[in-house]
Amino acid sequence: MKMSHALTAAGATAVLSFGATAAYAHPGPSGVPFKSAGTGTETSLSVSDCQNIGTHDCTVESTGTAISSHMGTGPYVSDLTVHWATAYTNGAGGYCARADGTGTITAANGDTLTQSDSGTVCEVGATGTHVPHTFNGTFTNTGGTGRFATASGSGTVTGGDDGYGNSNYQETGTISY
């Protein structure tokens, strides 16, 4: 007895659809090392002397170019709000305060990774004009686009500015996507 093994169009579609769904649903790496470093420029998004008036919150935006593992080279943008109402002395005539914000790193192919940051900003030395600042804190990956749409992971971040509008950051941690 000879059996026919013909595959109907509906059966072929089901097989192809199942194969495509299985390939798309395959997860990326989990808990792998992640590093990113960038340099750029910083611009105040707040009124002049914001640390001494009103709510004491000052927001700066940093934009530039980053080199990141799993992403290659691409632009980044971050907004960081310093809560000067929480300020305490840095021991050198200046102040430190709590800070938090968000950032986006863009991969070489256009996919984006979104992060939240939390930590401390400190003036380097005494308060004055063109005083450099440092940032020490943590980052958390909160999603993104493309292959980073479900990104998670976290780590430490450091950075700062030179008091003249130049900024930098470095982060080390893990990523799952």
C-alpha atoms as a PDB file:
ATOM      1  CA  MET A   1       0.000   0.000   0.000  1.00  0.00           C
ATOM      2  CA  LYS A   2       1.398   3.349  -1.031  1.00  0.00           C
ATOM      3  CA  MET A   3       0.650   6.353   1.237  1.00  0.00           C
ATOM      4  CA  SER A   4       0.607   9.885   0.005  1.00  0.00           C
ATOM      5  CA  HIS A   5       2.735  12.376   1.945  1.00  0.00           C
ATOM      6  CA  ALA A   6       1.365  15.481   0.325  1.00  0.00           C
ATOM      7  CA  LEU A   7       1.521  18.621   2.401  1.00  0.00           C
ATOM      8  CA  THR A   8      -1.405  20.937   1.953  1.00  0.00           C
ATOM      9  CA  ALA A   9      -0.896  24.693   1.708  1.00  0.00           C
ATOM     10  CA  ALA A  10      -2.450  25.105   5.179  1.00  0.00           C
ATOM     11  CA  GLY A  11      -0.117  22.467   6.610  1.00  0.00           C
ATOM     12  CA  ALA A  12       2.931  24.116   5.023  1.00  0.00           C
ATOM     13  CA  THR A  13       1.882  27.491   6.438  1.00  0.00           C
ATOM     14  CA  ALA A  14       1.475  25.958   9.889  1.00  0.00           C
ATOM     15  CA  VAL A  15       4.936  24.384   9.725  1.00  0.00           C
ATOM     16  CA  LEU A  16       6.547  27.593   8.457  1.00  0.00           C
ATOM     17  CA  SER A  17       4.705  29.708  11.018  1.00  0.00           C
ATOM     18  CA  PHE A  18       5.736  27.413  13.841  1.00  0.00           C
ATOM     19  CA  GLY A  19       9.356  27.528  12.714  1.00  0.00           C
ATOM     20  CA  ALA A  20       9.319  31.341  12.458  1.00  0.00           C
ATOM     21  CA  THR A  21       7.660  31.726  15.863  1.00  0.00           C
ATOM     22  CA  ALA A  22      10.126  29.382  17.507  1.00  0.00           C
ATOM     23  CA  ALA A  23      13.085  31.247  16.018  1.00  0.00           C
ATOM     24  CA  TYR A  24      11.670  34.651  17.038  1.00  0.00           C
ATOM     25  CA  ALA A  25      10.875  33.529  20.591  1.00  0.00           C
ATOM     26  CA  HIS A  26      14.428  32.304  21.213  1.00  0.00           C
ATOM     27  CA  PRO A  27      15.839  34.396  24.062  1.00  0.00           C
ATOM     28  CA  GLY A  28      19.133  36.256  23.843  1.00  0.00           C
ATOM     29  CA  PRO A  29      21.947  36.019  26.366  1.00  0.00           C
ATOM     30  CA  SER A  30      21.113  36.142  30.057  1.00  0.00           C
ATOM     31  CA  GLY A  31      23.215  37.787  32.757  1.00  0.00           C
ATOM     32  CA  VAL A  32      26.247  38.339  30.533  1.00  0.00           C
ATOM     33  CA  PRO A  33      28.863  41.036  31.253  1.00  0.00           C
ATOM     34  CA  PHE A  34      28.054  44.516  29.954  1.00  0.00           C
ATOM     35  CA  LYS A  35      30.355  47.531  29.662  1.00  0.00           C
ATOM     36  CA  SER A  36      29.743  50.930  28.163  1.00  0.00           C
ATOM     37  CA  ALA A  37      31.785  54.144  28.058  1.00  0.00           C
ATOM     38  CA  GLY A  38      31.029  57.447  26.436  1.00  0.00           C
ATOM     39  CA  THR A  39      32.187  61.027  26.070  1.00  0.00           C
ATOM     40  CA  GLY A  40      30.163  64.024  25.048  1.00  0.00           C
ATOM     41  CA  THR A  41      28.837  67.414  25.983  1.00  0.00           C
ATOM     42  CA  GLU A  42      26.602  68.470  28.843  1.00  0.00           C
ATOM     43  CA  THR A  43      23.885  71.115  28.731  1.00  0.00           C
ATOM     44  CA  SER A  44      21.804  72.471  31.603  1.00  0.00           C
ATOM     45  CA  LEU A  45      18.060  72.027  31.151  1.00  0.00           C
ATOM     46  CA  SER A  46      17.385  74.164  34.258  1.00  0.00           C
ATOM     47  CA  VAL A  47      17.397  77.855  35.043  1.00  0.00           C
ATOM     48  CA  SER A  48      20.679  79.461  36.037  1.00  0.00           C
ATOM     49  CA  ASP A  49      21.589  79.007  39.737  1.00  0.00           C
ATOM     50  CA  CYS A  50      18.875  76.332  40.067  1.00  0.00           C
ATOM     51  CA  GLN A  51      20.582  74.772  43.095  1.00  0.00           C
ATOM     52  CA  ASN A  52      19.909  77.911  45.129  1.00  0.00           C
ATOM     53  CA  ILE A  53      16.296  78.681  44.164  1.00  0.00           C
ATOM     54  CA  GLY A  54      12.879  77.029  44.175  1.00  0.00           C
ATOM     55  CA  THR A  55      12.897  73.240  44.372  1.00  0.00           C
ATOM     56  CA  HIS A  56      16.700  72.985  44.226  1.00  0.00           C
ATOM     57  CA  ASP A  57      16.464  70.401  41.426  1.00  0.00           C
ATOM     58  CA  CYS A  58      18.879  70.887  38.518  1.00  0.00           C
ATOM     59  CA  THR A  59      18.684  68.751  35.372  1.00  0.00           C
ATOM     60  CA  VAL A  60      21.519  68.336  32.888  1.00  0.00           C
ATOM     61  CA  GLU A  61      21.497  66.524  29.561  1.00  0.00           C
ATOM     62  CA  SER A  62      24.571  64.754  28.267  1.00  0.00           C
ATOM     63  CA  THR A  63      24.856  63.675  24.610  1.00  0.00           C
ATOM     64  CA  GLY A  64      27.739  61.988  22.869  1.00  0.00           C
ATOM     65  CA  THR A  65      29.170  58.764  21.504  1.00  0.00           C
ATOM     66  CA  ALA A  66      29.454  55.495  23.409  1.00  0.00           C
ATOM     67  CA  ILE A  67      31.215  52.190  22.838  1.00  0.00           C
ATOM     68  CA  SER A  68      29.193  49.393  24.429  1.00  0.00           C
ATOM     69  CA  SER A  69      29.480  45.613  24.539  1.00  0.00           C
ATOM     70  CA  HIS A  70      26.723  43.834  22.549  1.00  0.00           C
ATOM     71  CA  MET A  71      26.016  47.176  20.808  1.00  0.00           C
ATOM     72  CA  GLY A  72      29.127  48.572  19.130  1.00  0.00           C
ATOM     73  CA  THR A  73      29.567  52.327  18.702  1.00  0.00           C
ATOM     74  CA  GLY A  74      26.624  54.708  18.667  1.00  0.00           C
ATOM     75  CA  PRO A  75      25.124  57.819  20.196  1.00  0.00           C
ATOM     76  CA  TYR A  76      23.847  58.180  23.744  1.00  0.00           C
ATOM     77  CA  VAL A  77      21.721  60.706  25.580  1.00  0.00           C
ATOM     78  CA  SER A  78      21.101  60.955  29.323  1.00  0.00           C
ATOM     79  CA  ASP A  79      19.214  63.317  31.600  1.00  0.00           C
ATOM     80  CA  LEU A  80      20.283  63.529  35.241  1.00  0.00           C
ATOM     81  CA  THR A  81      18.478  65.532  37.919  1.00  0.00           C
ATOM     82  CA  VAL A  82      20.503  66.577  40.954  1.00  0.00           C
ATOM     83  CA  HIS A  83      18.407  67.127  44.087  1.00  0.00           C
ATOM     84  CA  TRP A  84      20.417  69.902  45.762  1.00  0.00           C
ATOM     85  CA  ALA A  85      17.872  70.073  48.625  1.00  0.00           C
ATOM     86  CA  THR A  86      19.528  66.828  49.833  1.00  0.00           C
ATOM     87  CA  ALA A  87      23.032  68.377  49.714  1.00  0.00           C
ATOM     88  CA  TYR A  88      25.726  67.691  52.285  1.00  0.00           C
ATOM     89  CA  THR A  89      29.319  68.867  52.467  1.00  0.00           C
ATOM     90  CA  ASN A  90      31.982  67.172  50.364  1.00  0.00           C
ATOM     91  CA  GLY A  91      34.609  68.126  52.976  1.00  0.00           C
ATOM     92  CA  ALA A  92      36.437  70.443  50.549  1.00  0.00           C
ATOM     93  CA  GLY A  93      34.208  73.520  50.516  1.00  0.00           C
ATOM     94  CA  GLY A  94      31.652  72.095  48.074  1.00  0.00           C
ATOM     95  CA  TYR A  95      28.636  69.814  48.164  1.00  0.00           C
ATOM     96  CA  CYS A  96      27.309  66.395  47.185  1.00  0.00           C
ATOM     97  CA  ALA A  97      23.647  65.529  46.534  1.00  0.00           C
ATOM     98  CA  ARG A  98      21.385  62.670  45.487  1.00  0.00           C
ATOM     99  CA  ALA A  99      20.763  62.370  41.715  1.00  0.00           C
ATOM    100  CA  ASP A 100      18.686  60.201  39.368  1.00  0.00           C
ATOM    101  CA  GLY A 101      17.770  60.075  35.731  1.00  0.00           C
ATOM    102  CA  THR A 102      17.366  58.096  32.531  1.00  0.00           C
ATOM    103  CA  GLY A 103      19.471  57.387  29.491  1.00  0.00           C
ATOM    104  CA  THR A 104      19.357  55.753  26.089  1.00  0.00           C
ATOM    105  CA  ILE A 105      22.283  54.088  24.313  1.00  0.00           C
ATOM    106  CA  THR A 106      21.842  53.417  20.591  1.00  0.00           C
ATOM    107  CA  ALA A 107      23.494  50.361  19.043  1.00  0.00           C
ATOM    108  CA  ALA A 108      25.328  50.493  15.728  1.00  0.00           C
ATOM    109  CA  ASN A 109      22.257  48.923  14.032  1.00  0.00           C
ATOM    110  CA  GLY A 110      19.788  51.435  15.567  1.00  0.00           C
ATOM    111  CA  ASP A 111      18.409  49.268  18.394  1.00  0.00           C
ATOM    112  CA  THR A 112      18.232  51.155  21.695  1.00  0.00           C
ATOM    113  CA  LEU A 113      18.867  50.257  25.338  1.00  0.00           C
ATOM    114  CA  THR A 114      17.047  52.303  27.986  1.00  0.00           C
ATOM    115  CA  GLN A 115      18.450  52.704  31.493  1.00  0.00           C
ATOM    116  CA  SER A 116      17.658  54.395  34.777  1.00  0.00           C
ATOM    117  CA  ASP A 117      20.430  55.826  36.968  1.00  0.00           C
ATOM    118  CA  SER A 118      20.604  56.631  40.665  1.00  0.00           C
ATOM    119  CA  GLY A 119      23.504  57.856  42.768  1.00  0.00           C
ATOM    120  CA  THR A 120      25.392  60.879  44.051  1.00  0.00           C
ATOM    121  CA  VAL A 121      26.774  63.962  42.310  1.00  0.00           C
ATOM    122  CA  CYS A 122      29.653  65.774  44.050  1.00  0.00           C
ATOM    123  CA  GLU A 123      31.408  69.018  43.267  1.00  0.00           C
ATOM    124  CA  VAL A 124      35.168  68.499  42.986  1.00  0.00           C
ATOM    125  CA  GLY A 125      36.578  70.907  45.545  1.00  0.00           C
ATOM    126  CA  ALA A 126      34.909  74.142  46.613  1.00  0.00           C
ATOM    127  CA  THR A 127      31.725  75.561  45.107  1.00  0.00           C
ATOM    128  CA  GLY A 128      32.475  78.061  42.348  1.00  0.00           C
ATOM    129  CA  THR A 129      32.336  78.848  38.660  1.00  0.00           C
ATOM    130  CA  HIS A 130      33.309  76.022  36.272  1.00  0.00           C
ATOM    131  CA  VAL A 131      33.563  73.460  39.081  1.00  0.00           C
ATOM    132  CA  PRO A 132      33.882  69.852  37.854  1.00  0.00           C
ATOM    133  CA  HIS A 133      31.389  67.286  39.164  1.00  0.00           C
ATOM    134  CA  THR A 134      31.579  63.529  39.662  1.00  0.00           C
ATOM    135  CA  PHE A 135      28.748  60.994  39.568  1.00  0.00           C
ATOM    136  CA  ASN A 136      28.884  57.612  41.320  1.00  0.00           C
ATOM    137  CA  GLY A 137      25.894  55.306  41.284  1.00  0.00           C
ATOM    138  CA  THR A 138      24.059  52.391  39.769  1.00  0.00           C
ATOM    139  CA  PHE A 139      22.245  51.763  36.491  1.00  0.00           C
ATOM    140  CA  THR A 140      19.343  49.456  35.706  1.00  0.00           C
ATOM    141  CA  ASN A 141      18.495  48.302  32.166  1.00  0.00           C
ATOM    142  CA  THR A 142      14.758  48.910  31.682  1.00  0.00           C
ATOM    143  CA  GLY A 143      14.104  47.785  28.092  1.00  0.00           C
ATOM    144  CA  GLY A 144      14.597  49.433  24.749  1.00  0.00           C
ATOM    145  CA  THR A 145      13.857  48.638  21.117  1.00  0.00           C
ATOM    146  CA  GLY A 146      14.764  45.806  18.742  1.00  0.00           C
ATOM    147  CA  ARG A 147      16.725  43.044  20.421  1.00  0.00           C
ATOM    148  CA  PHE A 148      16.855  45.115  23.658  1.00  0.00           C
ATOM    149  CA  ALA A 149      13.060  45.482  23.979  1.00  0.00           C
ATOM    150  CA  THR A 150      13.026  43.253  27.079  1.00  0.00           C
ATOM    151  CA  ALA A 151      16.506  44.111  28.360  1.00  0.00           C
ATOM    152  CA  SER A 152      17.234  43.825  32.066  1.00  0.00           C
ATOM    153  CA  GLY A 153      20.345  43.811  34.230  1.00  0.00           C
ATOM    154  CA  SER A 154      22.226  46.347  36.303  1.00  0.00           C
ATOM    155  CA  GLY A 155      25.618  47.532  37.501  1.00  0.00           C
ATOM    156  CA  THR A 156      27.705  50.494  38.582  1.00  0.00           C
ATOM    157  CA  VAL A 157      28.202  53.768  36.755  1.00  0.00           C
ATOM    158  CA  THR A 158      30.711  56.578  37.239  1.00  0.00           C
ATOM    159  CA  GLY A 159      31.211  59.768  35.320  1.00  0.00           C
ATOM    160  CA  GLY A 160      31.134  63.487  35.521  1.00  0.00           C
ATOM    161  CA  ASP A 161      31.857  66.773  33.842  1.00  0.00           C
ATOM    162  CA  ASP A 162      34.846  69.106  33.662  1.00  0.00           C
ATOM    163  CA  GLY A 163      32.918  72.268  34.543  1.00  0.00           C
ATOM    164  CA  TYR A 164      33.135  73.521  30.951  1.00  0.00           C
ATOM    165  CA  GLY A 165      30.459  71.357  29.292  1.00  0.00           C
ATOM    166  CA  ASN A 166      32.434  68.162  28.580  1.00  0.00           C
ATOM    167  CA  SER A 167      31.081  64.944  30.092  1.00  0.00           C
ATOM    168  CA  ASN A 168      31.954  61.262  30.342  1.00  0.00           C
ATOM    169  CA  TYR A 169      30.659  58.015  31.836  1.00  0.00           C
ATOM    170  CA  GLN A 170      31.721  54.402  32.338  1.00  0.00           C
ATOM    171  CA  GLU A 171      29.486  51.535  33.413  1.00  0.00           C
ATOM    172  CA  THR A 172      30.082  47.893  34.224  1.00  0.00           C
ATOM    173  CA  GLY A 173      27.454  45.283  35.021  1.00  0.00           C
ATOM    174  CA  THR A 174      25.269  42.647  33.392  1.00  0.00           C
ATOM    175  CA  ILE A 175      22.650  42.519  30.666  1.00  0.00           C
ATOM    176  CA  SER A 176      19.972  40.028  29.625  1.00  0.00           C
ATOM    177  CA  TYR A 177      18.011  40.469  26.392  1.00  0.00           C
END
